[in-house]
Amino acid sequence: MENVDSKPEWQCRWATPHDQDALLELFESSFGKPMPDGLWQWKYARQEKPGMLAHIGNSIIAHYGSIPRTFSLNSATVNAAQICDVMVAPRMRGILTRRGPFMHTADTFLGEQVGPDKPYRFAFGFPSDRHARLGEKTGWYTRTDTFLEVSWTPQHHRQVTLPLQIKTTPLSLQDEAIIDKLWQAMQSTLPDCLIPVKDAGFFKWRYLNHPSHAYATYTVAKRWSGRITGIITLRDHAASGDMELLDLLGPRESMTTLLKTACHIARRAGRKRLFSWMTPAILRHLPEPSATQEVSGVYVTPDYKQMVDEQQLSWWLMCGDTDFH
């Protein structure tokens, strides 16, 4: 095997669309399974610099990617980079040493793209334990919050009156005004929360036009008045008997109704469990779950973590905000 620290021939450069096939090969060799068709382009087609890679000649040996995300804080927007598809060729040794190519892909990306007066104010992600320890050791990022897996037993939240009070309608591409109105209501009722922007553009990209998964996204409205209270996004895992709650959109006071509606849909489908990933700030506005466990940390670049702590802000993140659900 090659010892990359002693080999000067590797170099770093920005990925381009022409690297897609080689990066998909690297993904499969790194993670042991292929990426679903169309997912790479869905993630990266919207940006000029989708990631930093390291290569030896024509062979790509490491990649550090990101998806552009926009956050809202008290109605002001903040550009962020969501780190994803961090991978290295299995054959390489020394890839995690300070002088290795992997370290340089991360250093170059974060140094050029992230920080005050840079394209992205902060970077964030949900790294594996190994990469989280490495990120903290190198000072790339630090833990800022906790990602919890929470679940509810739909039968326990059965309410006979709910179908009489609430109606659900599948969301369509023509519902832009509804989405944007609910997004504005959500922002205004959650001050001091860092919330990823969930406007019509986001919903179209993330859920309605996803290349790999068929999501069930519904508007939830009062049956008699027709007033829309929120939107829920679900993914059915029929084989395991579970239903996954990916997103909740609406003002703070509608969160309990949205959760109970999701439980009702899961129960009607015969599912035994409704589960989701979320930060504690969201859970505070929902009925108590049947089970709770930590699945990951939320990591962010250190200078922004300091600002979040000083202003006592809360992160509002769900499993729909990851890059792989």
Protein backbone atom coordinates (compact mmCIF):
# COMPACT_ATOMS: atom_id res chain seq x y z
CA MET A 1 0.00 0.00 0.00
CA GLU A 2 1.04 3.55 -0.57
CA ASN A 3 2.02 5.78 2.30
CA VAL A 4 0.50 9.03 1.15
CA ASP A 5 2.55 11.19 3.52
CA SER A 6 5.70 10.22 1.66
CA LYS A 7 4.22 10.59 -1.80
CA PRO A 8 4.24 14.09 -3.27
CA GLU A 9 2.17 13.33 -6.35
CA TRP A 10 -1.32 13.78 -4.89
CA GLN A 11 -3.00 17.15 -5.38
CA CYS A 12 -6.23 18.88 -4.36
CA ARG A 13 -8.70 20.65 -6.66
CA TRP A 14 -12.38 21.55 -6.82
CA ALA A 15 -14.71 18.86 -8.13
CA THR A 16 -16.50 19.49 -11.44
CA PRO A 17 -19.51 17.81 -13.09
CA HIS A 18 -17.05 15.79 -15.20
CA ASP A 19 -15.89 14.00 -12.02
CA GLN A 20 -19.31 12.52 -11.29
CA ASP A 21 -18.66 8.97 -12.54
CA ALA A 22 -15.30 8.73 -10.76
CA LEU A 23 -16.80 10.10 -7.53
CA LEU A 24 -19.65 7.61 -7.69
CA GLU A 25 -17.06 4.84 -8.00
CA LEU A 26 -15.25 6.28 -4.97
CA PHE A 27 -18.55 6.37 -3.06
CA GLU A 28 -19.24 2.70 -3.78
CA SER A 29 -15.74 1.59 -2.82
CA SER A 30 -15.80 3.72 0.35
CA PHE A 31 -19.26 2.78 1.63
CA GLY A 32 -19.73 -0.66 0.10
CA LYS A 33 -22.88 0.21 -1.84
CA PRO A 34 -23.73 2.34 -4.85
CA MET A 35 -25.43 5.71 -4.56
CA PRO A 36 -28.99 5.60 -5.93
CA ASP A 37 -29.41 6.85 -9.49
CA GLY A 38 -29.73 10.59 -9.82
CA LEU A 39 -28.92 11.35 -6.17
CA TRP A 40 -25.47 12.80 -6.85
CA GLN A 41 -26.76 15.23 -9.43
CA TRP A 42 -29.71 16.13 -7.18
CA LYS A 43 -27.28 17.07 -4.43
CA TYR A 44 -24.63 18.91 -6.40
CA ALA A 45 -26.06 20.25 -9.65
CA ARG A 46 -26.92 23.64 -8.16
CA GLN A 47 -23.41 24.79 -7.24
CA GLU A 48 -20.15 25.71 -8.91
CA LYS A 49 -17.90 24.23 -6.19
CA PRO A 50 -19.69 21.14 -4.87
CA GLY A 51 -16.67 19.71 -3.12
CA MET A 52 -12.93 19.47 -2.78
CA LEU A 53 -11.15 16.33 -3.94
CA ALA A 54 -7.67 14.87 -3.80
CA HIS A 55 -6.27 12.90 -6.72
CA ILE A 56 -3.20 11.07 -7.92
CA GLY A 57 -3.10 11.53 -11.68
CA ASN A 58 -6.59 10.66 -12.87
CA SER A 59 -7.43 8.64 -9.76
CA ILE A 60 -9.57 10.40 -7.12
CA ILE A 61 -8.58 9.31 -3.63
CA ALA A 62 -10.59 11.61 -1.33
CA HIS A 63 -13.62 13.89 -1.42
CA TYR A 64 -15.10 16.49 0.96
CA GLY A 65 -18.51 17.62 -0.28
CA SER A 66 -21.20 20.05 0.76
CA ILE A 67 -24.79 21.06 0.02
CA PRO A 68 -25.66 24.78 0.28
CA ARG A 69 -28.29 25.45 2.94
CA THR A 70 -29.87 28.67 4.12
CA PHE A 71 -30.84 29.21 7.76
CA SER A 72 -33.19 31.74 9.27
CA LEU A 73 -32.52 33.53 12.54
CA ASN A 74 -35.12 36.11 13.55
CA SER A 75 -36.09 36.45 9.85
CA ALA A 76 -32.49 37.18 8.79
CA THR A 77 -30.89 34.61 6.46
CA VAL A 78 -27.53 32.93 6.99
CA ASN A 79 -25.77 30.90 4.29
CA ALA A 80 -24.35 27.57 5.44
CA ALA A 81 -22.59 24.53 4.00
CA GLN A 82 -23.90 21.11 4.98
CA ILE A 83 -20.95 18.74 4.86
CA CYS A 84 -21.67 15.40 3.19
CA ASP A 85 -20.12 12.56 1.18
CA VAL A 86 -16.84 12.74 3.09
CA MET A 87 -14.95 9.74 1.74
CA VAL A 88 -11.54 8.27 1.06
CA ALA A 89 -10.30 5.43 -1.12
CA PRO A 90 -10.01 2.30 1.06
CA ARG A 91 -6.61 1.42 -0.38
CA MET A 92 -4.96 4.54 0.97
CA ARG A 93 -2.94 4.54 4.19
CA GLY A 94 -2.23 7.55 6.33
CA ILE A 95 -5.29 9.27 4.93
CA LEU A 96 -6.23 10.79 8.28
CA THR A 97 -2.79 12.14 9.16
CA ARG A 98 -2.18 15.88 9.26
CA ARG A 99 -0.18 15.91 6.03
CA GLY A 100 -2.42 13.50 4.14
CA PRO A 101 -4.69 14.38 1.23
CA PHE A 102 -7.91 13.95 3.19
CA MET A 103 -6.85 16.57 5.71
CA HIS A 104 -6.01 18.96 2.90
CA THR A 105 -9.39 18.52 1.20
CA ALA A 106 -11.12 19.54 4.43
CA ASP A 107 -8.66 22.34 5.24
CA THR A 108 -8.90 23.82 1.75
CA PHE A 109 -12.67 23.64 1.55
CA LEU A 110 -13.28 25.13 4.99
CA GLY A 111 -10.53 27.72 4.61
CA GLU A 112 -11.78 29.04 1.27
CA GLN A 113 -15.54 28.66 1.66
CA VAL A 114 -16.50 29.00 5.33
CA GLY A 115 -16.31 31.94 7.74
CA PRO A 116 -17.08 35.67 7.99
CA ASP A 117 -17.06 37.30 4.55
CA LYS A 118 -16.87 33.85 2.88
CA PRO A 119 -19.58 32.21 0.73
CA TYR A 120 -20.82 30.29 3.79
CA ARG A 121 -20.95 31.73 7.30
CA PHE A 122 -20.68 28.28 8.89
CA ALA A 123 -20.46 24.59 8.04
CA PHE A 124 -22.40 21.89 9.84
CA GLY A 125 -23.05 18.20 9.65
CA PHE A 126 -23.67 14.92 11.41
CA PRO A 127 -20.33 13.09 11.15
CA SER A 128 -19.54 9.57 12.27
CA ASP A 129 -17.84 9.22 15.65
CA ARG A 130 -14.46 8.84 13.97
CA HIS A 131 -14.79 11.94 11.83
CA ALA A 132 -16.33 13.88 14.72
CA ARG A 133 -13.28 13.15 16.88
CA LEU A 134 -10.99 14.12 14.01
CA GLY A 135 -12.93 17.32 13.38
CA GLU A 136 -12.68 18.36 17.02
CA LYS A 137 -8.99 17.47 17.18
CA THR A 138 -8.17 19.54 14.11
CA GLY A 139 -10.48 22.41 15.05
CA TRP A 140 -12.69 22.08 11.97
CA TYR A 141 -15.89 21.76 13.94
CA THR A 142 -17.25 21.16 17.40
CA ARG A 143 -20.40 19.65 18.87
CA THR A 144 -23.25 22.13 19.20
CA ASP A 145 -26.35 19.99 19.81
CA THR A 146 -27.76 16.47 19.93
CA PHE A 147 -29.72 14.54 17.32
CA LEU A 148 -32.33 12.31 18.98
CA GLU A 149 -34.32 9.44 17.55
CA VAL A 150 -37.79 9.70 19.05
CA SER A 151 -40.78 7.47 18.46
CA TRP A 152 -44.47 7.38 19.22
CA THR A 153 -46.90 4.45 19.27
CA PRO A 154 -49.69 5.57 16.92
CA GLN A 155 -52.32 3.50 18.73
CA HIS A 156 -51.61 5.41 21.96
CA HIS A 157 -52.38 8.71 20.22
CA ARG A 158 -55.63 7.52 18.69
CA GLN A 159 -58.27 10.25 18.79
CA VAL A 160 -61.70 9.44 17.45
CA THR A 161 -62.49 13.12 16.88
CA LEU A 162 -59.34 13.94 14.90
CA PRO A 163 -60.67 12.86 11.45
CA LEU A 164 -63.77 14.96 12.13
CA GLN A 165 -61.69 18.03 12.96
CA ILE A 166 -58.80 17.74 10.51
CA LYS A 167 -58.45 16.96 6.83
CA THR A 168 -55.26 16.20 4.94
CA THR A 169 -54.52 16.90 1.27
CA PRO A 170 -51.44 15.77 -0.69
CA LEU A 171 -49.08 18.69 -1.33
CA SER A 172 -48.56 19.64 -4.98
CA LEU A 173 -46.19 21.79 -6.97
CA GLN A 174 -48.95 24.38 -7.22
CA ASP A 175 -49.04 24.96 -3.45
CA GLU A 176 -46.16 27.45 -3.38
CA ALA A 177 -48.15 30.23 -1.69
CA ILE A 178 -49.34 27.86 1.07
CA ILE A 179 -45.81 26.65 1.80
CA ASP A 180 -44.37 30.16 1.89
CA LYS A 181 -47.15 31.42 4.18
CA LEU A 182 -46.59 28.57 6.64
CA TRP A 183 -42.84 29.13 6.49
CA GLN A 184 -43.30 32.79 7.40
CA ALA A 185 -45.57 31.80 10.30
CA MET A 186 -43.03 29.27 11.53
CA GLN A 187 -40.21 31.83 11.57
CA SER A 188 -42.26 34.41 13.45
CA THR A 189 -43.26 32.01 16.25
CA LEU A 190 -39.79 30.55 16.84
CA PRO A 191 -37.49 33.43 17.80
CA ASP A 192 -34.01 32.47 18.98
CA CYS A 193 -34.07 29.31 16.85
CA LEU A 194 -31.72 28.56 13.96
CA ILE A 195 -34.12 27.05 11.43
CA PRO A 196 -33.18 25.77 7.96
CA VAL A 197 -35.24 27.65 5.39
CA LYS A 198 -38.33 25.60 4.52
CA ASP A 199 -39.90 27.68 1.77
CA ALA A 200 -41.53 26.49 -1.46
CA GLY A 201 -38.18 26.20 -3.23
CA PHE A 202 -36.86 23.92 -0.51
CA PHE A 203 -39.95 21.69 -0.48
CA LYS A 204 -39.87 21.29 -4.26
CA TRP A 205 -36.20 20.31 -4.22
CA ARG A 206 -36.12 18.22 -1.07
CA TYR A 207 -39.40 16.29 -1.18
CA LEU A 208 -41.46 16.79 -4.32
CA ASN A 209 -38.58 16.30 -6.80
CA HIS A 210 -36.40 13.82 -4.92
CA PRO A 211 -34.90 11.24 -7.31
CA SER A 212 -34.81 8.25 -4.95
CA HIS A 213 -37.66 8.36 -2.46
CA ALA A 214 -41.40 8.84 -2.78
CA TYR A 215 -42.44 10.97 0.18
CA ALA A 216 -45.99 11.55 1.38
CA THR A 217 -46.35 15.29 2.04
CA TYR A 218 -49.70 16.64 3.21
CA THR A 219 -51.28 19.93 4.10
CA VAL A 220 -53.21 19.72 7.36
CA ALA A 221 -56.32 21.90 7.62
CA LYS A 222 -59.29 22.51 9.89
CA ARG A 223 -62.13 20.55 8.32
CA TRP A 224 -64.90 23.13 8.67
CA SER A 225 -63.04 26.41 8.25
CA GLY A 226 -60.51 25.10 5.72
CA ARG A 227 -57.73 27.01 7.52
CA ILE A 228 -54.41 25.28 6.87
CA THR A 229 -52.42 24.76 10.06
CA GLY A 230 -49.29 23.08 8.70
CA ILE A 231 -47.57 20.54 6.49
CA ILE A 232 -46.21 17.10 7.39
CA THR A 233 -43.80 14.97 5.36
CA LEU A 234 -43.71 11.20 5.87
CA ARG A 235 -41.79 8.25 4.50
CA ASP A 236 -43.33 4.80 4.81
CA HIS A 237 -41.11 1.89 5.88
CA ALA A 238 -43.72 -0.83 5.37
CA ALA A 239 -41.27 -3.74 5.64
CA SER A 240 -40.33 -2.79 9.20
CA GLY A 241 -43.80 -1.64 10.26
CA ASP A 242 -42.56 1.92 10.81
CA MET A 243 -43.44 5.31 9.43
CA GLU A 244 -40.88 8.13 9.48
CA LEU A 245 -41.74 11.75 10.14
CA LEU A 246 -39.28 13.82 8.13
CA ASP A 247 -40.58 17.34 8.49
CA LEU A 248 -43.06 19.61 10.24
CA LEU A 249 -43.90 23.02 8.84
CA GLY A 250 -46.12 25.50 10.59
CA PRO A 251 -46.31 27.85 13.57
CA ARG A 252 -45.16 26.61 16.95
CA GLU A 253 -48.71 26.20 18.28
CA SER A 254 -49.63 23.75 15.49
CA MET A 255 -46.86 21.24 16.21
CA THR A 256 -48.93 18.99 18.48
CA THR A 257 -51.79 18.83 15.95
CA LEU A 258 -49.33 17.99 13.17
CA LEU A 259 -47.76 15.20 15.22
CA LYS A 260 -51.14 13.71 16.11
CA THR A 261 -52.15 13.85 12.45
CA ALA A 262 -48.97 11.96 11.52
CA CYS A 263 -49.80 9.35 14.18
CA HIS A 264 -53.32 9.03 12.75
CA ILE A 265 -51.95 8.44 9.23
CA ALA A 266 -49.46 5.87 10.55
CA ARG A 267 -52.18 4.03 12.49
CA ARG A 268 -54.51 3.98 9.47
CA ALA A 269 -51.65 2.45 7.43
CA GLY A 270 -51.20 -0.26 10.05
CA ARG A 271 -47.80 0.98 11.22
CA LYS A 272 -46.74 0.17 14.78
CA ARG A 273 -44.29 3.02 15.21
CA LEU A 274 -43.91 6.62 14.07
CA PHE A 275 -40.32 7.78 14.44
CA SER A 276 -38.22 10.81 13.65
CA TRP A 277 -34.82 12.37 14.23
CA MET A 278 -34.81 15.84 15.75
CA THR A 279 -33.02 18.24 18.04
CA PRO A 280 -34.39 18.77 21.57
CA ALA A 281 -35.76 22.24 20.65
CA ILE A 282 -38.40 20.59 18.44
CA LEU A 283 -39.26 17.87 20.93
CA ARG A 284 -40.20 20.50 23.51
CA HIS A 285 -43.22 21.42 21.36
CA LEU A 286 -44.49 17.85 20.85
CA PRO A 287 -46.29 15.21 22.92
CA GLU A 288 -43.98 13.04 25.00
CA PRO A 289 -42.54 10.22 22.86
CA SER A 290 -42.69 6.53 23.71
CA ALA A 291 -38.91 6.18 23.33
CA THR A 292 -35.93 8.50 22.97
CA GLN A 293 -32.28 7.77 22.18
CA GLU A 294 -29.31 9.73 20.91
CA VAL A 295 -28.25 8.90 17.36
CA SER A 296 -25.69 11.59 16.56
CA GLY A 297 -24.27 14.94 17.47
CA VAL A 298 -24.80 18.13 15.50
CA TYR A 299 -21.41 19.66 14.66
CA VAL A 300 -20.63 23.19 13.49
CA THR A 301 -17.55 25.30 12.80
CA PRO A 302 -16.23 26.58 16.16
CA ASP A 303 -16.61 30.35 15.72
CA TYR A 304 -20.30 29.98 14.95
CA LYS A 305 -20.77 27.61 17.88
CA GLN A 306 -19.41 30.37 20.12
CA MET A 307 -21.94 32.85 18.73
CA VAL A 308 -24.79 30.35 19.18
CA ASP A 309 -23.81 29.79 22.81
CA GLU A 310 -23.43 33.48 23.57
CA GLN A 311 -26.89 34.27 22.17
CA GLN A 312 -28.44 31.12 23.71
CA LEU A 313 -29.85 29.97 20.38
CA SER A 314 -31.46 26.59 19.69
CA TRP A 315 -30.99 24.43 16.59
CA TRP A 316 -34.18 23.31 14.80
CA LEU A 317 -33.20 20.24 12.76
CA MET A 318 -35.08 17.10 11.72
CA CYS A 319 -34.22 13.96 9.79
CA GLY A 320 -35.37 15.66 6.60
CA ASP A 321 -32.38 17.97 7.08
CA THR A 322 -29.90 15.12 6.72
CA ASP A 323 -28.64 14.27 3.24
CA PHE A 324 -29.50 10.57 3.19
CA HIS A 325 -33.11 10.08 4.37
